[in-house]
PDB file of N, CA and C in Angstrom:
ATOM      1  N   MET A   1      -4.359  53.443 187.169  1.00  0.00           N
ATOM      2  CA  MET A   1      -3.185  53.031 187.975  1.00  0.00           C
ATOM      3  C   MET A   1      -2.955  53.911 189.179  1.00  0.00           C
ATOM      4  N   ASP A   2      -3.630  55.000 189.337  1.00  0.00           N
ATOM      5  CA  ASP A   2      -3.580  56.005 190.331  1.00  0.00           C
ATOM      6  C   ASP A   2      -2.250  56.313 190.538  1.00  0.00           C
ATOM      7  N   GLY A   3      -1.883  56.452 191.874  1.00  0.00           N
ATOM      8  CA  GLY A   3      -0.418  56.926 192.073  1.00  0.00           C
ATOM      9  C   GLY A   3       0.638  55.886 191.885  1.00  0.00           C
ATOM     10  N   PHE A   4       0.323  54.668 191.743  1.00  0.00           N
ATOM     11  CA  PHE A   4       1.256  53.645 191.501  1.00  0.00           C
ATOM     12  C   PHE A   4       1.881  53.753 190.052  1.00  0.00           C
ATOM     13  N   GLY A   5       1.060  54.235 189.145  1.00  0.00           N
ATOM     14  CA  GLY A   5       1.580  54.526 187.811  1.00  0.00           C
ATOM     15  C   GLY A   5       2.773  55.578 187.818  1.00  0.00           C
ATOM     16  N   LEU A   6       2.513  56.566 188.603  1.00  0.00           N
ATOM     17  CA  LEU A   6       3.620  57.511 188.733  1.00  0.00           C
ATOM     18  C   LEU A   6       4.935  56.882 189.391  1.00  0.00           C
ATOM     19  N   LEU A   7       4.703  56.016 190.299  1.00  0.00           N
ATOM     20  CA  LEU A   7       5.978  55.317 190.830  1.00  0.00           C
ATOM     21  C   LEU A   7       6.582  54.450 189.762  1.00  0.00           C
ATOM     22  N   VAL A   8       5.893  53.798 189.010  1.00  0.00           N
ATOM     23  CA  VAL A   8       6.372  52.976 187.915  1.00  0.00           C
ATOM     24  C   VAL A   8       7.089  53.855 186.879  1.00  0.00           C
ATOM     25  N   SER A   9       6.491  55.060 186.559  1.00  0.00           N
ATOM     26  CA  SER A   9       7.080  55.876 185.537  1.00  0.00           C
ATOM     27  C   SER A   9       8.374  56.497 186.087  1.00  0.00           C
ATOM     28  N   ASP A  10       8.400  56.833 187.267  1.00  0.00           N
ATOM     29  CA  ASP A  10       9.678  57.321 187.934  1.00  0.00           C
ATOM     30  C   ASP A  10      10.746  56.212 187.962  1.00  0.00           C
ATOM     31  N   ALA A  11      10.427  55.034 188.364  1.00  0.00           N
ATOM     32  CA  ALA A  11      11.372  53.927 188.252  1.00  0.00           C
ATOM     33  C   ALA A  11      11.897  53.687 186.999  1.00  0.00           C
ATOM     34  N   ILE A  12      11.004  53.786 185.873  1.00  0.00           N
ATOM     35  CA  ILE A  12      11.574  53.606 184.570  1.00  0.00           C
ATOM     36  C   ILE A  12      12.511  54.743 184.101  1.00  0.00           C
ATOM     37  N   LEU A  13      12.253  55.988 184.489  1.00  0.00           N
ATOM     38  CA  LEU A  13      13.116  57.047 184.231  1.00  0.00           C
ATOM     39  C   LEU A  13      14.361  56.912 184.922  1.00  0.00           C
ATOM     40  N   ASN A  14      14.306  56.565 186.281  1.00  0.00           N
ATOM     41  CA  ASN A  14      15.524  56.354 187.026  1.00  0.00           C
ATOM     42  C   ASN A  14      16.528  55.278 186.609  1.00  0.00           C
ATOM     43  N   LYS A  15      15.856  54.324 185.981  1.00  0.00           N
ATOM     44  CA  LYS A  15      16.750  53.094 185.485  1.00  0.00           C
ATOM     45  C   LYS A  15      17.107  53.354 184.077  1.00  0.00           C
ATOM     46  N   LYS A  16      16.833  54.525 183.595  1.00  0.00           N
ATOM     47  CA  LYS A  16      17.138  55.069 182.181  1.00  0.00           C
ATOM     48  C   LYS A  16      16.799  53.953 181.033  1.00  0.00           C
ATOM     49  N   LEU A  17      15.580  53.394 181.058  1.00  0.00           N
ATOM     50  CA  LEU A  17      15.179  52.500 180.114  1.00  0.00           C
ATOM     51  C   LEU A  17      15.030  53.220 178.774  1.00  0.00           C
ATOM     52  N   PRO A  18      15.343  52.518 177.688  1.00  0.00           N
ATOM     53  CA  PRO A  18      15.275  53.118 176.332  1.00  0.00           C
ATOM     54  C   PRO A  18      13.842  53.344 175.858  1.00  0.00           C
ATOM     55  N   VAL A  19      12.916  54.129 176.637  1.00  0.00           N
ATOM     56  CA  VAL A  19      11.530  54.371 176.152  1.00  0.00           C
ATOM     57  C   VAL A  19      11.349  55.930 176.442  1.00  0.00           C
ATOM     58  N   VAL A  20      10.229  56.322 175.752  1.00  0.00           N
ATOM     59  CA  VAL A  20       9.848  57.740 175.891  1.00  0.00           C
ATOM     60  C   VAL A  20       8.381  57.642 176.557  1.00  0.00           C
ATOM     61  N   LEU A  21       8.187  58.287 177.665  1.00  0.00           N
ATOM     62  CA  LEU A  21       6.935  58.225 178.235  1.00  0.00           C
ATOM     63  C   LEU A  21       6.194  59.503 177.764  1.00  0.00           C
ATOM     64  N   VAL A  22       4.790  59.275 177.531  1.00  0.00           N
ATOM     65  CA  VAL A  22       4.037  60.208 177.112  1.00  0.00           C
ATOM     66  C   VAL A  22       2.726  60.255 177.897  1.00  0.00           C
ATOM     67  N   ASN A  23       2.081  61.334 178.080  1.00  0.00           N
ATOM     68  CA  ASN A  23       0.882  61.408 178.867  1.00  0.00           C
ATOM     69  C   ASN A  23      -0.420  61.249 178.040  1.00  0.00           C
ATOM     70  N   GLU A  24      -0.300  61.450 176.730  1.00  0.00           N
ATOM     71  CA  GLU A  24      -1.379  61.386 175.863  1.00  0.00           C
ATOM     72  C   GLU A  24      -1.550  60.028 175.076  1.00  0.00           C
ATOM     73  N   ARG A  25      -2.673  59.351 175.390  1.00  0.00           N
ATOM     74  CA  ARG A  25      -2.741  57.957 174.733  1.00  0.00           C
ATOM     75  C   ARG A  25      -2.638  57.964 173.261  1.00  0.00           C
ATOM     76  N   GLU A  26      -3.098  59.033 172.616  1.00  0.00           N
ATOM     77  CA  GLU A  26      -3.063  59.140 171.131  1.00  0.00           C
ATOM     78  C   GLU A  26      -1.685  59.137 170.512  1.00  0.00           C
ATOM     79  N   LYS A  27      -0.663  59.615 171.328  1.00  0.00           N
ATOM     80  CA  LYS A  27       0.760  59.570 170.940  1.00  0.00           C
ATOM     81  C   LYS A  27       1.466  58.414 171.251  1.00  0.00           C
ATOM     82  N   ALA A  28       0.911  57.472 172.023  1.00  0.00           N
ATOM     83  CA  ALA A  28       1.633  56.399 172.557  1.00  0.00           C
ATOM     84  C   ALA A  28       1.599  55.234 171.516  1.00  0.00           C
ATOM     85  N   ASP A  29       2.689  54.401 171.460  1.00  0.00           N
ATOM     86  CA  ASP A  29       2.744  53.212 170.755  1.00  0.00           C
ATOM     87  C   ASP A  29       2.278  51.908 171.614  1.00  0.00           C
ATOM     88  N   PHE A  30       2.542  52.186 172.943  1.00  0.00           N
ATOM     89  CA  PHE A  30       2.217  51.105 173.875  1.00  0.00           C
ATOM     90  C   PHE A  30       1.512  51.827 175.006  1.00  0.00           C
ATOM     91  N   VAL A  31       0.627  51.066 175.654  1.00  0.00           N
ATOM     92  CA  VAL A  31      -0.167  51.580 176.842  1.00  0.00           C
ATOM     93  C   VAL A  31       0.058  50.690 178.043  1.00  0.00           C
ATOM     94  N   MET A  32       0.337  51.282 179.149  1.00  0.00           N
ATOM     95  CA  MET A  32       0.565  50.517 180.345  1.00  0.00           C
ATOM     96  C   MET A  32      -0.678  50.658 181.211  1.00  0.00           C
ATOM     97  N   SER A  33      -1.113  49.561 181.847  1.00  0.00           N
ATOM     98  CA  SER A  33      -2.297  49.598 182.777  1.00  0.00           C
ATOM     99  C   SER A  33      -1.879  48.625 183.869  1.00  0.00           C
ATOM    100  N   GLY A  34      -2.673  48.621 184.915  1.00  0.00           N
ATOM    101  CA  GLY A  34      -2.505  47.905 185.988  1.00  0.00           C
ATOM    102  C   GLY A  34      -2.833  48.552 187.334  1.00  0.00           C
ATOM    103  N   GLY A  35      -2.255  48.016 188.506  1.00  0.00           N
ATOM    104  CA  GLY A  35      -2.460  48.492 189.775  1.00  0.00           C
ATOM    105  C   GLY A  35      -1.894  47.655 190.912  1.00  0.00           C
ATOM    106  N   ALA A  36      -1.945  48.238 192.081  1.00  0.00           N
ATOM    107  CA  ALA A  36      -1.313  47.607 193.175  1.00  0.00           C
ATOM    108  C   ALA A  36      -2.170  47.937 194.352  1.00  0.00           C
ATOM    109  N   HIS A  37      -2.298  46.980 195.380  1.00  0.00           N
ATOM    110  CA  HIS A  37      -3.050  47.234 196.668  1.00  0.00           C
ATOM    111  C   HIS A  37      -2.314  46.470 197.631  1.00  0.00           C
ATOM    112  N   VAL A  38      -1.989  47.218 198.751  1.00  0.00           N
ATOM    113  CA  VAL A  38      -1.338  46.692 200.056  1.00  0.00           C
ATOM    114  C   VAL A  38      -2.475  46.818 201.119  1.00  0.00           C
ATOM    115  N   LYS A  39      -2.565  45.749 201.869  1.00  0.00           N
ATOM    116  CA  LYS A  39      -3.389  45.732 203.056  1.00  0.00           C
ATOM    117  C   LYS A  39      -2.475  45.652 204.254  1.00  0.00           C
ATOM    118  N   MET A  40      -2.499  46.782 205.024  1.00  0.00           N
ATOM    119  CA  MET A  40      -1.606  46.653 206.227  1.00  0.00           C
ATOM    120  C   MET A  40      -2.479  46.280 207.461  1.00  0.00           C
ATOM    121  N   PRO A  41      -1.899  45.359 208.289  1.00  0.00           N
ATOM    122  CA  PRO A  41      -2.623  45.002 209.506  1.00  0.00           C
ATOM    123  C   PRO A  41      -2.887  46.140 210.528  1.00  0.00           C
ATOM    124  N   GLY A  42      -3.925  46.051 211.194  1.00  0.00           N
ATOM    125  CA  GLY A  42      -4.100  47.059 212.257  1.00  0.00           C
ATOM    126  C   GLY A  42      -3.093  46.822 213.403  1.00  0.00           C
ATOM    127  N   PHE A  43      -3.231  47.739 214.388  1.00  0.00           N
ATOM    128  CA  PHE A  43      -2.247  47.689 215.525  1.00  0.00           C
ATOM    129  C   PHE A  43      -2.167  46.358 216.199  1.00  0.00           C
ATOM    130  N   PHE A  44      -3.350  45.890 216.660  1.00  0.00           N
ATOM    131  CA  PHE A  44      -3.223  44.592 217.427  1.00  0.00           C
ATOM    132  C   PHE A  44      -2.858  43.420 216.519  1.00  0.00           C
ATOM    133  N   LYS A  45      -3.482  43.371 215.276  1.00  0.00           N
ATOM    134  CA  LYS A  45      -3.184  42.366 214.366  1.00  0.00           C
ATOM    135  C   LYS A  45      -1.606  42.418 213.968  1.00  0.00           C
ATOM    136  N   GLY A  46      -1.079  43.522 213.852  1.00  0.00           N
ATOM    137  CA  GLY A  46       0.242  43.750 213.614  1.00  0.00           C
ATOM    138  C   GLY A  46       1.226  42.991 214.343  1.00  0.00           C
ATOM    139  N   TRP A  47       0.886  42.602 215.481  1.00  0.00           N
ATOM    140  CA  TRP A  47       1.781  41.791 216.392  1.00  0.00           C
ATOM    141  C   TRP A  47       1.972  40.374 215.947  1.00  0.00           C
ATOM    142  N   VAL A  48       0.980  39.858 215.178  1.00  0.00           N
ATOM    143  CA  VAL A  48       0.998  38.463 214.642  1.00  0.00           C
ATOM    144  C   VAL A  48       0.989  38.331 213.256  1.00  0.00           C
ATOM    145  N   THR A  49       0.537  39.385 212.495  1.00  0.00           N
ATOM    146  CA  THR A  49       0.474  39.254 210.974  1.00  0.00           C
ATOM    147  C   THR A  49       1.280  40.346 210.379  1.00  0.00           C
ATOM    148  N   THR A  50       1.611  40.153 209.100  1.00  0.00           N
ATOM    149  CA  THR A  50       2.371  41.107 208.352  1.00  0.00           C
ATOM    150  C   THR A  50       1.462  41.685 207.155  1.00  0.00           C
ATOM    151  N   ALA A  51       1.969  42.724 206.489  1.00  0.00           N
ATOM    152  CA  ALA A  51       1.206  43.317 205.485  1.00  0.00           C
ATOM    153  C   ALA A  51       1.164  42.253 204.318  1.00  0.00           C
ATOM    154  N   HIS A  52       0.108  42.331 203.574  1.00  0.00           N
ATOM    155  CA  HIS A  52       0.116  41.575 202.326  1.00  0.00           C
ATOM    156  C   HIS A  52      -0.601  42.343 201.135  1.00  0.00           C
ATOM    157  N   GLY A  53      -0.249  41.998 199.978  1.00  0.00           N
ATOM    158  CA  GLY A  53      -0.872  42.799 198.870  1.00  0.00           C
ATOM    159  C   GLY A  53      -0.510  42.117 197.473  1.00  0.00           C
ATOM    160  N   LYS A  54      -0.951  42.647 196.462  1.00  0.00           N
ATOM    161  CA  LYS A  54      -0.670  42.114 195.203  1.00  0.00           C
ATOM    162  C   LYS A  54      -0.858  43.310 194.102  1.00  0.00           C
ATOM    163  N   GLY A  55      -0.380  42.940 192.941  1.00  0.00           N
ATOM    164  CA  GLY A  55      -0.664  43.957 191.851  1.00  0.00           C
ATOM    165  C   GLY A  55      -0.026  43.341 190.542  1.00  0.00           C
ATOM    166  N   SER A  56      -0.202  44.128 189.580  1.00  0.00           N
ATOM    167  CA  SER A  56       0.343  43.746 188.219  1.00  0.00           C
ATOM    168  C   SER A  56       0.333  45.002 187.371  1.00  0.00           C
ATOM    169  N   ILE A  57       1.237  44.893 186.245  1.00  0.00           N
ATOM    170  CA  ILE A  57       1.181  45.871 185.298  1.00  0.00           C
ATOM    171  C   ILE A  57       1.154  45.033 183.902  1.00  0.00           C
ATOM    172  N   ALA A  58       0.511  45.584 182.890  1.00  0.00           N
ATOM    173  CA  ALA A  58       0.488  45.052 181.584  1.00  0.00           C
ATOM    174  C   ALA A  58       0.732  46.223 180.633  1.00  0.00           C
ATOM    175  N   ILE A  59       1.529  45.897 179.549  1.00  0.00           N
ATOM    176  CA  ILE A  59       1.842  46.815 178.470  1.00  0.00           C
ATOM    177  C   ILE A  59       1.330  46.167 177.247  1.00  0.00           C
ATOM    178  N   LYS A  60       0.397  46.902 176.587  1.00  0.00           N
ATOM    179  CA  LYS A  60      -0.235  46.507 175.360  1.00  0.00           C
ATOM    180  C   LYS A  60       0.191  47.394 174.147  1.00  0.00           C
ATOM    181  N   ASP A  61       0.219  46.800 172.958  1.00  0.00           N
ATOM    182  CA  ASP A  61       0.409  47.569 171.665  1.00  0.00           C
ATOM    183  C   ASP A  61      -0.909  48.471 171.542  1.00  0.00           C
ATOM    184  N   ALA A  62      -0.597  49.742 171.465  1.00  0.00           N
ATOM    185  CA  ALA A  62      -1.699  50.701 171.299  1.00  0.00           C
ATOM    186  C   ALA A  62      -2.497  50.411 170.126  1.00  0.00           C
ATOM    187  N   GLY A  63      -1.960  50.033 169.016  1.00  0.00           N
ATOM    188  CA  GLY A  63      -2.670  49.718 167.668  1.00  0.00           C
ATOM    189  C   GLY A  63      -3.562  48.431 167.716  1.00  0.00           C
ATOM    190  N   THR A  64      -2.958  47.388 168.185  1.00  0.00           N
ATOM    191  CA  THR A  64      -3.520  46.048 168.025  1.00  0.00           C
ATOM    192  C   THR A  64      -4.274  45.562 169.342  1.00  0.00           C
ATOM    193  N   GLY A  65      -3.711  46.140 170.426  1.00  0.00           N
ATOM    194  CA  GLY A  65      -4.243  45.704 171.740  1.00  0.00           C
ATOM    195  C   GLY A  65      -3.600  44.406 172.218  1.00  0.00           C
ATOM    196  N   ASN A  66      -2.629  43.939 171.561  1.00  0.00           N
ATOM    197  CA  ASN A  66      -1.931  42.717 171.916  1.00  0.00           C
ATOM    198  C   ASN A  66      -1.018  42.960 173.132  1.00  0.00           C
ATOM    199  N   GLU A  67      -1.097  42.139 174.118  1.00  0.00           N
ATOM    200  CA  GLU A  67      -0.276  42.290 175.265  1.00  0.00           C
ATOM    201  C   GLU A  67       1.200  41.967 175.009  1.00  0.00           C
ATOM    202  N   VAL A  68       2.105  42.856 175.309  1.00  0.00           N
ATOM    203  CA  VAL A  68       3.604  42.594 174.873  1.00  0.00           C
ATOM    204  C   VAL A  68       4.453  42.382 176.233  1.00  0.00           C
ATOM    205  N   PHE A  69       3.864  42.846 177.331  1.00  0.00           N
ATOM    206  CA  PHE A  69       4.692  42.701 178.579  1.00  0.00           C
ATOM    207  C   PHE A  69       3.585  42.514 179.740  1.00  0.00           C
ATOM    208  N   PHE A  70       3.861  41.709 180.630  1.00  0.00           N
ATOM    209  CA  PHE A  70       3.068  41.498 181.922  1.00  0.00           C
ATOM    210  C   PHE A  70       3.927  41.076 183.057  1.00  0.00           C
ATOM    211  N   TYR A  71       3.715  41.769 184.101  1.00  0.00           N
ATOM    212  CA  TYR A  71       4.400  41.444 185.433  1.00  0.00           C
ATOM    213  C   TYR A  71       3.439  41.405 186.504  1.00  0.00           C
ATOM    214  N   LYS A  72       3.417  40.368 187.304  1.00  0.00           N
ATOM    215  CA  LYS A  72       2.620  40.232 188.544  1.00  0.00           C
ATOM    216  C   LYS A  72       3.489  40.034 189.784  1.00  0.00           C
ATOM    217  N   PHE A  73       3.105  40.717 190.867  1.00  0.00           N
ATOM    218  CA  PHE A  73       3.815  40.745 192.007  1.00  0.00           C
ATOM    219  C   PHE A  73       2.914  40.670 193.306  1.00  0.00           C
ATOM    220  N   THR A  74       3.549  39.969 194.346  1.00  0.00           N
ATOM    221  CA  THR A  74       2.787  39.707 195.637  1.00  0.00           C
ATOM    222  C   THR A  74       3.687  39.895 196.793  1.00  0.00           C
ATOM    223  N   ARG A  75       4.962  39.855 196.636  1.00  0.00           N
ATOM    224  CA  ARG A  75       5.869  39.819 197.759  1.00  0.00           C
ATOM    225  C   ARG A  75       5.824  41.150 198.550  1.00  0.00           C
ATOM    226  N   VAL A  76       5.623  41.049 199.877  1.00  0.00           N
ATOM    227  CA  VAL A  76       5.663  41.980 200.845  1.00  0.00           C
ATOM    228  C   VAL A  76       6.725  41.805 201.926  1.00  0.00           C
ATOM    229  N   ASP A  77       7.809  42.447 202.018  1.00  0.00           N
ATOM    230  CA  ASP A  77       8.851  42.325 203.060  1.00  0.00           C
ATOM    231  C   ASP A  77       8.286  42.829 204.362  1.00  0.00           C
ATOM    232  N   SER A  78       8.598  42.082 205.433  1.00  0.00           N
ATOM    233  CA  SER A  78       8.144  42.701 206.755  1.00  0.00           C
ATOM    234  C   SER A  78       9.030  43.783 207.125  1.00  0.00           C
ATOM    235  N   MET A  79       8.537  44.518 208.063  1.00  0.00           N
ATOM    236  CA  MET A  79       9.273  45.709 208.550  1.00  0.00           C
ATOM    237  C   MET A  79       9.399  46.798 207.513  1.00  0.00           C
ATOM    238  N   THR A  80       8.523  46.956 206.533  1.00  0.00           N
ATOM    239  CA  THR A  80       8.611  48.089 205.620  1.00  0.00           C
ATOM    240  C   THR A  80       7.296  48.819 205.623  1.00  0.00           C
ATOM    241  N   THR A  81       7.339  50.047 205.356  1.00  0.00           N
ATOM    242  CA  THR A  81       6.118  50.883 205.278  1.00  0.00           C
ATOM    243  C   THR A  81       5.397  50.619 204.016  1.00  0.00           C
ATOM    244  N   GLU A  82       4.209  51.042 204.126  1.00  0.00           N
ATOM    245  CA  GLU A  82       3.326  50.934 202.844  1.00  0.00           C
ATOM    246  C   GLU A  82       3.947  51.729 201.594  1.00  0.00           C
ATOM    247  N   SER A  83       4.470  52.854 201.787  1.00  0.00           N
ATOM    248  CA  SER A  83       5.171  53.448 200.579  1.00  0.00           C
ATOM    249  C   SER A  83       6.404  52.784 200.119  1.00  0.00           C
ATOM    250  N   GLN A  84       7.095  52.254 201.052  1.00  0.00           N
ATOM    251  CA  GLN A  84       8.189  51.460 200.726  1.00  0.00           C
ATOM    252  C   GLN A  84       7.881  50.188 199.845  1.00  0.00           C
ATOM    253  N   ILE A  85       6.803  49.638 200.228  1.00  0.00           N
ATOM    254  CA  ILE A  85       6.369  48.424 199.560  1.00  0.00           C
ATOM    255  C   ILE A  85       5.963  48.847 198.053  1.00  0.00           C
ATOM    256  N   TYR A  86       5.265  49.879 197.913  1.00  0.00           N
ATOM    257  CA  TYR A  86       4.813  50.254 196.583  1.00  0.00           C
ATOM    258  C   TYR A  86       6.044  50.736 195.738  1.00  0.00           C
ATOM    259  N   ALA A  87       7.007  51.434 196.324  1.00  0.00           N
ATOM    260  CA  ALA A  87       8.282  51.794 195.632  1.00  0.00           C
ATOM    261  C   ALA A  87       9.092  50.593 195.243  1.00  0.00           C
ATOM    262  N   ASN A  88       9.109  49.538 196.134  1.00  0.00           N
ATOM    263  CA  ASN A  88       9.819  48.280 195.721  1.00  0.00           C
ATOM    264  C   ASN A  88       9.155  47.625 194.548  1.00  0.00           C
ATOM    265  N   TRP A  89       7.888  47.521 194.692  1.00  0.00           N
ATOM    266  CA  TRP A  89       7.079  46.978 193.542  1.00  0.00           C
ATOM    267  C   TRP A  89       7.368  47.696 192.204  1.00  0.00           C
ATOM    268  N   ALA A  90       7.294  49.032 192.229  1.00  0.00           N
ATOM    269  CA  ALA A  90       7.499  49.800 191.038  1.00  0.00           C
ATOM    270  C   ALA A  90       8.976  49.633 190.456  1.00  0.00           C
ATOM    271  N   GLY A  91       9.912  49.527 191.362  1.00  0.00           N
ATOM    272  CA  GLY A  91      11.210  49.224 190.984  1.00  0.00           C
ATOM    273  C   GLY A  91      11.397  47.806 190.286  1.00  0.00           C
ATOM    274  N   GLY A  92      10.675  46.929 191.011  1.00  0.00           N
ATOM    275  CA  GLY A  92      10.684  45.579 190.203  1.00  0.00           C
ATOM    276  C   GLY A  92      10.039  45.561 188.987  1.00  0.00           C
ATOM    277  N   CYS A  93       9.071  46.227 188.854  1.00  0.00           N
ATOM    278  CA  CYS A  93       8.346  46.407 187.416  1.00  0.00           C
ATOM    279  C   CYS A  93       9.444  46.976 186.417  1.00  0.00           C
ATOM    280  N   ALA A  94      10.166  47.970 186.789  1.00  0.00           N
ATOM    281  CA  ALA A  94      11.095  48.626 186.004  1.00  0.00           C
ATOM    282  C   ALA A  94      12.209  47.637 185.642  1.00  0.00           C
ATOM    283  N   ASN A  95      12.629  46.923 186.605  1.00  0.00           N
ATOM    284  CA  ASN A  95      13.695  45.941 186.454  1.00  0.00           C
ATOM    285  C   ASN A  95      13.391  44.927 185.449  1.00  0.00           C
ATOM    286  N   HIS A  96      12.128  44.314 185.624  1.00  0.00           N
ATOM    287  CA  HIS A  96      11.649  43.195 184.730  1.00  0.00           C
ATOM    288  C   HIS A  96      11.410  43.724 183.217  1.00  0.00           C
ATOM    289  N   LEU A  97      10.903  45.099 183.189  1.00  0.00           N
ATOM    290  CA  LEU A  97      10.706  45.629 181.823  1.00  0.00           C
ATOM    291  C   LEU A  97      12.159  45.865 181.208  1.00  0.00           C
ATOM    292  N   LYS A  98      13.086  46.149 181.986  1.00  0.00           N
ATOM    293  CA  LYS A  98      14.442  46.496 181.388  1.00  0.00           C
ATOM    294  C   LYS A  98      14.965  45.146 180.823  1.00  0.00           C
ATOM    295  N   LYS A  99      14.872  44.067 181.523  1.00  0.00           N
ATOM    296  CA  LYS A  99      15.268  42.831 181.155  1.00  0.00           C
ATOM    297  C   LYS A  99      14.632  42.363 179.869  1.00  0.00           C
ATOM    298  N   ALA A 100      13.359  42.633 179.796  1.00  0.00           N
ATOM    299  CA  ALA A 100      12.605  42.267 178.545  1.00  0.00           C
ATOM    300  C   ALA A 100      13.003  42.991 177.441  1.00  0.00           C
ATOM    301  N   LEU A 101      13.291  44.253 177.583  1.00  0.00           N
ATOM    302  CA  LEU A 101      13.790  45.051 176.423  1.00  0.00           C
ATOM    303  C   LEU A 101      15.234  44.743 176.147  1.00  0.00           C
ATOM    304  N   GLU A 102      16.045  44.281 176.997  1.00  0.00           N
ATOM    305  CA  GLU A 102      17.485  43.786 176.758  1.00  0.00           C
ATOM    306  C   GLU A 102      17.292  42.620 175.820  1.00  0.00           C
ATOM    307  N   LYS A 103      16.424  41.640 176.178  1.00  0.00           N
ATOM    308  CA  LYS A 103      16.166  40.416 175.284  1.00  0.00           C
ATOM    309  C   LYS A 103      15.859  40.813 173.979  1.00  0.00           C
ATOM    310  N   ILE A 104      15.011  41.750 173.701  1.00  0.00           N
ATOM    311  CA  ILE A 104      14.560  42.194 172.509  1.00  0.00           C
ATOM    312  C   ILE A 104      15.725  42.781 171.593  1.00  0.00           C
ATOM    313  N   GLU A 105      16.557  43.601 172.351  1.00  0.00           N
ATOM    314  CA  GLU A 105      17.607  44.296 171.656  1.00  0.00           C
ATOM    315  C   GLU A 105      18.646  43.269 171.180  1.00  0.00           C
ATOM    316  N   LYS A 106      18.854  42.092 171.910  1.00  0.00           N
ATOM    317  CA  LYS A 106      19.863  41.070 171.550  1.00  0.00           C
ATOM    318  C   LYS A 106      19.488  40.367 170.229  1.00  0.00           C
ATOM    319  N   LYS A 107      18.073  40.316 169.986  1.00  0.00           N
ATOM    320  CA  LYS A 107      17.657  39.503 168.771  1.00  0.00           C
ATOM    321  C   LYS A 107      17.949  40.239 167.527  1.00  0.00           C
TER     322      LYS A 107
END
């Protein structure tokens, strides 16, 4: 997940989700994977086109490999920098994960 994984982890911590993040796969109950890529237009193309990109994250049960959460994103707002786009996506991932966890808690 490169640097995007750190952004998602930070967003999860900032939103105070009821999870414990670990760095060692052996200690994890669930494993997050995925990535994101933004393509920014060049200077001349920037006059007529906007940035675009896509990405996704998946969370799987570490024991069974079954997917328990998936979120895909493509929206890129105009007039934002590349780092803002990645940060917005990471925040969206954390928001959707929080909603999924709240559904589970209600059951």
